[in-house]
C-alpha atoms as a PDB file:
ATOM      1  CA  UNK A   1     122.039  86.544  87.688  1.00  0.00           C
ATOM      2  CA  UNK A   2     121.426  84.145  90.524  1.00  0.00           C
ATOM      3  CA  UNK A   3     118.292  84.432  92.449  1.00  0.00           C
ATOM      4  CA  UNK A   4     118.355  82.567  95.792  1.00  0.00           C
ATOM      5  CA  UNK A   5     117.129  83.832  98.513  1.00  0.00           C
ATOM      6  CA  UNK A   6     119.282  84.598 101.842  1.00  0.00           C
ATOM      7  CA  UNK A   7     118.702  82.213 105.020  1.00  0.00           C
ATOM      8  CA  UNK A   8     119.291  84.197 107.488  1.00  0.00           C
ATOM      9  CA  UNK A   9     119.167  80.997 110.358  1.00  0.00           C
ATOM     10  CA  UNK A  10     122.121  79.341 107.961  1.00  0.00           C
ATOM     11  CA  UNK A  11     124.095  82.258 107.692  1.00  0.00           C
ATOM     12  CA  UNK A  12     123.860  82.385 111.254  1.00  0.00           C
ATOM     13  CA  UNK A  13     125.590  79.323 112.038  1.00  0.00           C
ATOM     14  CA  UNK A  14     128.346  79.781 109.647  1.00  0.00           C
ATOM     15  CA  UNK A  15     130.413  82.066 112.656  1.00  0.00           C
ATOM     16  CA  UNK A  16     130.185  81.722 116.576  1.00  0.00           C
ATOM     17  CA  UNK A  17     131.838  85.382 117.419  1.00  0.00           C
ATOM     18  CA  UNK A  18     130.098  87.807 119.507  1.00  0.00           C
ATOM     19  CA  UNK A  19     130.383  91.514 118.415  1.00  0.00           C
ATOM     20  CA  UNK A  20     131.470  90.675 114.515  1.00  0.00           C
ATOM     21  CA  UNK A  21     129.087  91.835 112.121  1.00  0.00           C
ATOM     22  CA  UNK A  22     129.253  89.525 108.971  1.00  0.00           C
ATOM     23  CA  UNK A  23     127.539  91.355 105.721  1.00  0.00           C
ATOM     24  CA  UNK A  24     124.663  89.297 103.928  1.00  0.00           C
ATOM     25  CA  UNK A  25     123.510  91.435 101.566  1.00  0.00           C
ATOM     26  CA  UNK A  26     124.028  95.061 100.167  1.00  0.00           C
ATOM     27  CA  UNK A  27     121.197  97.739  99.217  1.00  0.00           C
ATOM     28  CA  UNK A  28     122.554 100.546  97.390  1.00  0.00           C
ATOM     29  CA  UNK A  29     125.490 101.858  99.641  1.00  0.00           C
ATOM     30  CA  UNK A  30     123.928 100.260 102.659  1.00  0.00           C
ATOM     31  CA  UNK A  31     124.969  96.681 104.398  1.00  0.00           C
ATOM     32  CA  UNK A  32     122.873  93.990 105.724  1.00  0.00           C
ATOM     33  CA  UNK A  33     124.820  92.671 108.596  1.00  0.00           C
ATOM     34  CA  UNK A  34     124.467  89.366 111.080  1.00  0.00           C
ATOM     35  CA  UNK A  35     125.687  89.581 113.961  1.00  0.00           C
ATOM     36  CA  UNK A  36     125.511  87.793 117.849  1.00  0.00           C
ATOM     37  CA  UNK A  37     125.585  89.589 120.858  1.00  0.00           C
ATOM     38  CA  UNK A  38     126.257  88.813 124.622  1.00  0.00           C
ATOM     39  CA  UNK A  39     127.380  90.766 127.327  1.00  0.00           C
ATOM     40  CA  UNK A  40     127.771  94.532 127.244  1.00  0.00           C
ATOM     41  CA  UNK A  41     129.528  96.717 124.574  1.00  0.00           C
ATOM     42  CA  UNK A  42     131.048  99.776 124.450  1.00  0.00           C
ATOM     43  CA  UNK A  43     129.804 103.246 124.557  1.00  0.00           C
ATOM     44  CA  UNK A  44     129.680 104.660 121.329  1.00  0.00           C
ATOM     45  CA  UNK A  45     128.002 106.928 118.274  1.00  0.00           C
ATOM     46  CA  UNK A  46     128.225 107.334 115.198  1.00  0.00           C
ATOM     47  CA  UNK A  47     127.795 110.936 113.813  1.00  0.00           C
ATOM     48  CA  UNK A  48     127.641 110.274 110.405  1.00  0.00           C
ATOM     49  CA  UNK A  49     124.855 107.959 110.153  1.00  0.00           C
ATOM     50  CA  UNK A  50     122.035 105.737 111.818  1.00  0.00           C
ATOM     51  CA  UNK A  51     122.115 102.282 112.760  1.00  0.00           C
ATOM     52  CA  UNK A  52     119.236 100.011 112.593  1.00  0.00           C
ATOM     53  CA  UNK A  53     119.199  96.732 115.084  1.00  0.00           C
ATOM     54  CA  UNK A  54     116.261  94.108 114.338  1.00  0.00           C
ATOM     55  CA  UNK A  55     116.017  91.050 116.993  1.00  0.00           C
ATOM     56  CA  UNK A  56     115.665  87.933 115.174  1.00  0.00           C
ATOM     57  CA  UNK A  57     116.409  85.629 118.326  1.00  0.00           C
ATOM     58  CA  UNK A  58     116.448  86.600 121.944  1.00  0.00           C
ATOM     59  CA  UNK A  59     116.493  89.895 123.462  1.00  0.00           C
ATOM     60  CA  UNK A  60     118.882  92.843 123.958  1.00  0.00           C
ATOM     61  CA  UNK A  61     118.841  96.361 125.454  1.00  0.00           C
ATOM     62  CA  UNK A  62     120.242  99.357 124.184  1.00  0.00           C
ATOM     63  CA  UNK A  63     121.800 102.013 126.864  1.00  0.00           C
ATOM     64  CA  UNK A  64     121.612 105.622 126.164  1.00  0.00           C
ATOM     65  CA  UNK A  65     122.962 108.185 128.553  1.00  0.00           C
ATOM     66  CA  UNK A  66     119.264 109.239 129.579  1.00  0.00           C
ATOM     67  CA  UNK A  67     117.146 105.999 129.469  1.00  0.00           C
ATOM     68  CA  UNK A  68     116.932 102.130 127.101  1.00  0.00           C
ATOM     69  CA  UNK A  69     115.430 100.271 125.175  1.00  0.00           C
ATOM     70  CA  UNK A  70     114.726  96.906 125.160  1.00  0.00           C
ATOM     71  CA  UNK A  71     114.331  94.531 121.770  1.00  0.00           C
ATOM     72  CA  UNK A  72     112.434  91.384 121.850  1.00  0.00           C
ATOM     73  CA  UNK A  73     112.410  89.184 118.755  1.00  0.00           C
ATOM     74  CA  UNK A  74     110.502  90.661 116.058  1.00  0.00           C
ATOM     75  CA  UNK A  75     111.506  94.475 117.330  1.00  0.00           C
ATOM     76  CA  UNK A  76     113.578  96.454 115.829  1.00  0.00           C
ATOM     77  CA  UNK A  77     114.745 100.368 116.844  1.00  0.00           C
ATOM     78  CA  UNK A  78     117.117 102.977 114.853  1.00  0.00           C
ATOM     79  CA  UNK A  79     119.392 104.727 117.104  1.00  0.00           C
ATOM     80  CA  UNK A  80     119.395 108.079 115.268  1.00  0.00           C
ATOM     81  CA  UNK A  81     122.690 109.323 114.355  1.00  0.00           C
ATOM     82  CA  UNK A  82     125.105 111.079 117.012  1.00  0.00           C
ATOM     83  CA  UNK A  83     123.252 109.475 119.857  1.00  0.00           C
ATOM     84  CA  UNK A  84     125.940 107.814 122.619  1.00  0.00           C
ATOM     85  CA  UNK A  85     124.539 104.138 122.941  1.00  0.00           C
ATOM     86  CA  UNK A  86     125.537 100.668 124.508  1.00  0.00           C
ATOM     87  CA  UNK A  87     124.142  97.481 122.860  1.00  0.00           C
ATOM     88  CA  UNK A  88     124.286  94.825 125.441  1.00  0.00           C
ATOM     89  CA  UNK A  89     122.202  91.401 125.729  1.00  0.00           C
ATOM     90  CA  UNK A  90     122.532  88.628 128.727  1.00  0.00           C
ATOM     91  CA  UNK A  91     122.161  85.606 126.768  1.00  0.00           C
ATOM     92  CA  UNK A  92     123.410  85.536 123.259  1.00  0.00           C
ATOM     93  CA  UNK A  93     121.107  87.093 120.917  1.00  0.00           C
ATOM     94  CA  UNK A  94     121.116  86.930 116.921  1.00  0.00           C
ATOM     95  CA  UNK A  95     120.758  90.640 115.514  1.00  0.00           C
ATOM     96  CA  UNK A  96     120.205  92.353 111.615  1.00  0.00           C
ATOM     97  CA  UNK A  97     122.505  95.117 111.815  1.00  0.00           C
ATOM     98  CA  UNK A  98     121.543  98.008 108.730  1.00  0.00           C
ATOM     99  CA  UNK A  99     123.936 100.548 107.664  1.00  0.00           C
ATOM    100  CA  UNK A 100     125.881 102.040 105.364  1.00  0.00           C
ATOM    101  CA  UNK A 101     128.439 100.325 104.244  1.00  0.00           C
ATOM    102  CA  UNK A 102     132.078 101.127 105.684  1.00  0.00           C
ATOM    103  CA  UNK A 103     130.680 101.985 108.991  1.00  0.00           C
ATOM    104  CA  UNK A 104     132.732 101.135 112.339  1.00  0.00           C
ATOM    105  CA  UNK A 105     131.111  98.741 114.892  1.00  0.00           C
ATOM    106  CA  UNK A 106     132.500 100.890 117.705  1.00  0.00           C
ATOM    107  CA  UNK A 107     131.931 104.470 115.992  1.00  0.00           C
ATOM    108  CA  UNK A 108     133.438 107.023 117.514  1.00  0.00           C
ATOM    109  CA  UNK A 109     135.488 104.442 120.780  1.00  0.00           C
ATOM    110  CA  UNK A 110     138.749 102.979 119.993  1.00  0.00           C
ATOM    111  CA  UNK A 111     138.241  99.407 121.393  1.00  0.00           C
ATOM    112  CA  UNK A 112     141.197  97.524 119.858  1.00  0.00           C
ATOM    113  CA  UNK A 113     139.572  94.072 121.333  1.00  0.00           C
ATOM    114  CA  UNK A 114     135.855  95.338 120.036  1.00  0.00           C
ATOM    115  CA  UNK A 115     136.312  96.729 116.933  1.00  0.00           C
ATOM    116  CA  UNK A 116     135.460  94.671 113.958  1.00  0.00           C
ATOM    117  CA  UNK A 117     136.606  94.162 110.622  1.00  0.00           C
ATOM    118  CA  UNK A 118     134.411  95.663 108.335  1.00  0.00           C
ATOM    119  CA  UNK A 119     133.405  93.886 104.689  1.00  0.00           C
ATOM    120  CA  UNK A 120     133.298  90.507 105.644  1.00  0.00           C
ATOM    121  CA  UNK A 121     130.730  88.268 103.994  1.00  0.00           C
ATOM    122  CA  UNK A 122     129.010  85.107 104.712  1.00  0.00           C
END
């Protein structure tokens, strides 16, 4: 068995696309995904799962219909299942997302331009 640590900084250098999460590890049925965010995402929700965001570099905001949560480097937030939200970042922000494998990044939203392919490993 290969026992090498996963260097998140090195992995982030392997892709440039915004809003297109890449899988770096799995734990049981959950995936750890790196993503680069910039601009506004779509309003969406995940009816079946919570979604965790941890900011590695930069800052981001998660908009809710009744407010917002601002996150900076080293901070994380878990969006509860079924809660409509919209992530956004004024400048490029790097995040680690933790969610069940197969989770569609745009949730219940049908957005052809922002829906990313699942299970792309780096």
